[in-house]
N, C-alpha and C. Protein backbone atom coordinates (compact mmCIF):
# COMPACT_ATOMS: atom_id res chain seq x y z
N UNK A 1 1.58 4.50 -3.03
CA UNK A 1 0.75 5.54 -3.59
C UNK A 1 0.71 6.72 -2.63
N UNK A 2 0.47 7.85 -3.18
CA UNK A 2 0.44 9.06 -2.37
C UNK A 2 -0.90 9.20 -1.65
N UNK A 3 -0.90 10.01 -0.63
CA UNK A 3 -2.15 10.29 0.10
C UNK A 3 -3.11 11.03 -0.81
N UNK A 4 -4.38 10.96 -0.50
CA UNK A 4 -5.41 11.54 -1.36
C UNK A 4 -5.45 13.06 -1.27
N UNK A 5 -5.04 13.65 -0.15
CA UNK A 5 -5.04 15.10 0.01
C UNK A 5 -3.71 15.53 0.62
N UNK A 6 -3.35 16.79 0.41
CA UNK A 6 -2.08 17.30 0.91
C UNK A 6 -2.24 18.22 2.12
N UNK A 7 -3.45 18.37 2.66
CA UNK A 7 -3.65 19.31 3.76
C UNK A 7 -3.59 18.61 5.12
N UNK A 8 -2.45 18.03 5.42
CA UNK A 8 -2.20 17.38 6.70
C UNK A 8 -0.72 17.49 7.02
N UNK A 9 -0.38 17.28 8.27
CA UNK A 9 1.00 17.29 8.72
C UNK A 9 1.39 15.85 9.03
N UNK A 10 2.21 15.25 8.18
CA UNK A 10 2.61 13.86 8.38
C UNK A 10 3.80 13.72 9.31
N UNK A 11 4.40 14.82 9.68
CA UNK A 11 5.60 14.77 10.49
C UNK A 11 6.85 14.79 9.62
N UNK A 12 6.72 14.45 8.35
CA UNK A 12 7.85 14.44 7.43
C UNK A 12 7.68 15.47 6.31
N UNK A 13 6.46 15.96 6.08
CA UNK A 13 6.25 16.88 4.96
C UNK A 13 6.37 18.35 5.35
N UNK A 14 6.67 18.63 6.62
CA UNK A 14 6.93 19.99 7.13
C UNK A 14 5.76 20.95 6.92
N UNK A 15 4.55 20.45 6.96
CA UNK A 15 3.36 21.30 6.88
C UNK A 15 2.82 21.49 8.30
N UNK A 16 3.52 22.29 9.08
CA UNK A 16 3.21 22.44 10.50
C UNK A 16 1.97 23.27 10.77
N UNK A 17 1.42 23.94 9.76
CA UNK A 17 0.20 24.72 9.95
C UNK A 17 -1.02 23.82 10.07
N UNK A 18 -0.90 22.57 9.69
CA UNK A 18 -2.02 21.62 9.73
C UNK A 18 -1.89 20.70 10.93
N UNK A 19 -3.01 20.13 11.39
CA UNK A 19 -2.94 19.16 12.49
C UNK A 19 -2.11 17.94 12.11
N UNK A 20 -1.47 17.34 13.11
CA UNK A 20 -0.62 16.18 12.86
C UNK A 20 -1.47 14.93 12.61
N UNK A 21 -1.22 14.30 11.48
CA UNK A 21 -1.81 13.01 11.13
C UNK A 21 -0.63 12.14 10.75
N UNK A 22 -0.15 11.35 11.68
CA UNK A 22 1.10 10.61 11.47
C UNK A 22 0.91 9.48 10.46
N UNK A 23 -0.26 8.87 10.41
CA UNK A 23 -0.55 7.85 9.41
C UNK A 23 -1.71 8.32 8.55
N UNK A 24 -1.44 9.13 7.50
CA UNK A 24 -2.52 9.67 6.68
C UNK A 24 -3.24 8.55 5.93
N UNK A 25 -4.50 8.79 5.64
CA UNK A 25 -5.29 7.80 4.88
C UNK A 25 -4.74 7.69 3.46
N UNK A 26 -4.64 6.48 2.99
CA UNK A 26 -4.16 6.27 1.62
C UNK A 26 -4.77 5.00 1.08
N UNK A 27 -4.61 4.82 -0.20
CA UNK A 27 -5.11 3.63 -0.89
C UNK A 27 -3.94 2.98 -1.59
N UNK A 28 -3.76 1.69 -1.39
CA UNK A 28 -2.66 1.00 -2.05
C UNK A 28 -3.05 -0.44 -2.34
N UNK A 29 -2.46 -0.97 -3.36
CA UNK A 29 -2.64 -2.37 -3.73
C UNK A 29 -1.31 -3.07 -3.52
N UNK A 30 -1.27 -4.05 -2.62
CA UNK A 30 0.00 -4.70 -2.35
C UNK A 30 -0.02 -6.20 -2.64
N UNK A 31 -1.14 -6.70 -3.16
CA UNK A 31 -1.18 -8.11 -3.52
C UNK A 31 -2.20 -8.29 -4.64
N UNK A 32 -1.84 -9.08 -5.65
CA UNK A 32 -2.75 -9.41 -6.73
C UNK A 32 -2.40 -10.80 -7.23
N UNK A 33 -3.41 -11.56 -7.60
CA UNK A 33 -3.13 -12.89 -8.12
C UNK A 33 -4.20 -13.29 -9.12
N UNK A 34 -3.84 -14.24 -9.96
CA UNK A 34 -4.72 -14.76 -10.99
C UNK A 34 -4.57 -16.28 -10.98
N UNK A 35 -5.68 -16.99 -10.99
CA UNK A 35 -5.61 -18.45 -10.95
C UNK A 35 -6.48 -19.01 -12.06
N UNK A 36 -5.95 -20.00 -12.74
CA UNK A 36 -6.68 -20.70 -13.79
C UNK A 36 -6.59 -22.19 -13.51
N UNK A 37 -7.71 -22.86 -13.63
CA UNK A 37 -7.76 -24.30 -13.39
C UNK A 37 -8.35 -24.97 -14.63
N UNK A 38 -7.54 -25.82 -15.24
CA UNK A 38 -7.99 -26.55 -16.41
C UNK A 38 -8.26 -28.00 -16.07
N UNK A 39 -8.46 -28.81 -17.09
CA UNK A 39 -8.73 -30.24 -16.87
C UNK A 39 -7.52 -30.98 -16.33
N UNK A 40 -6.33 -30.61 -16.79
CA UNK A 40 -5.14 -31.36 -16.38
C UNK A 40 -4.06 -30.50 -15.74
N UNK A 41 -4.32 -29.21 -15.56
CA UNK A 41 -3.28 -28.35 -14.99
C UNK A 41 -3.91 -27.18 -14.23
N UNK A 42 -3.17 -26.69 -13.25
CA UNK A 42 -3.54 -25.49 -12.50
C UNK A 42 -2.41 -24.49 -12.63
N UNK A 43 -2.75 -23.23 -12.85
CA UNK A 43 -1.75 -22.18 -12.95
C UNK A 43 -2.13 -21.06 -12.00
N UNK A 44 -1.18 -20.64 -11.17
CA UNK A 44 -1.37 -19.50 -10.28
C UNK A 44 -0.22 -18.53 -10.49
N UNK A 45 -0.54 -17.27 -10.76
CA UNK A 45 0.47 -16.23 -10.95
C UNK A 45 0.06 -15.03 -10.11
N UNK A 46 1.04 -14.34 -9.57
CA UNK A 46 0.70 -13.18 -8.77
C UNK A 46 1.91 -12.44 -8.27
N UNK A 47 1.62 -11.43 -7.48
CA UNK A 47 2.67 -10.58 -6.93
C UNK A 47 2.25 -10.15 -5.54
N UNK A 48 3.20 -10.15 -4.61
CA UNK A 48 2.94 -9.73 -3.25
C UNK A 48 4.15 -8.96 -2.74
N UNK A 49 3.89 -7.83 -2.11
CA UNK A 49 4.97 -7.02 -1.55
C UNK A 49 5.21 -7.46 -0.12
N UNK A 50 6.45 -7.77 0.20
CA UNK A 50 6.82 -8.16 1.55
C UNK A 50 7.69 -7.07 2.16
N UNK A 51 7.36 -6.66 3.36
CA UNK A 51 8.16 -5.66 4.05
C UNK A 51 8.86 -6.35 5.21
N UNK A 52 10.17 -6.26 5.22
CA UNK A 52 10.97 -6.95 6.22
C UNK A 52 11.51 -5.98 7.27
N UNK A 53 12.05 -6.54 8.31
CA UNK A 53 12.68 -5.79 9.39
C UNK A 53 11.66 -4.94 10.14
N UNK A 54 11.87 -3.64 10.27
CA UNK A 54 11.03 -2.77 11.09
C UNK A 54 10.07 -1.94 10.23
N UNK A 55 9.59 -2.50 9.15
CA UNK A 55 8.68 -1.78 8.26
C UNK A 55 7.27 -1.81 8.84
N UNK A 56 6.47 -0.83 8.45
CA UNK A 56 5.08 -0.78 8.88
C UNK A 56 4.18 -0.91 7.69
């Protein structure tokens, strides 16, 4: 998701007139799951984002 405001310098957006904020505040959802438990069965479904290697 994108940052909530555009008035910052992320180092990549070339907005050098603004102070540098290398990790701008943002909101993101990277995991969700749903679980149901019945009398004879359990069901779990979901999604999770995994970042490998040198990701932050």
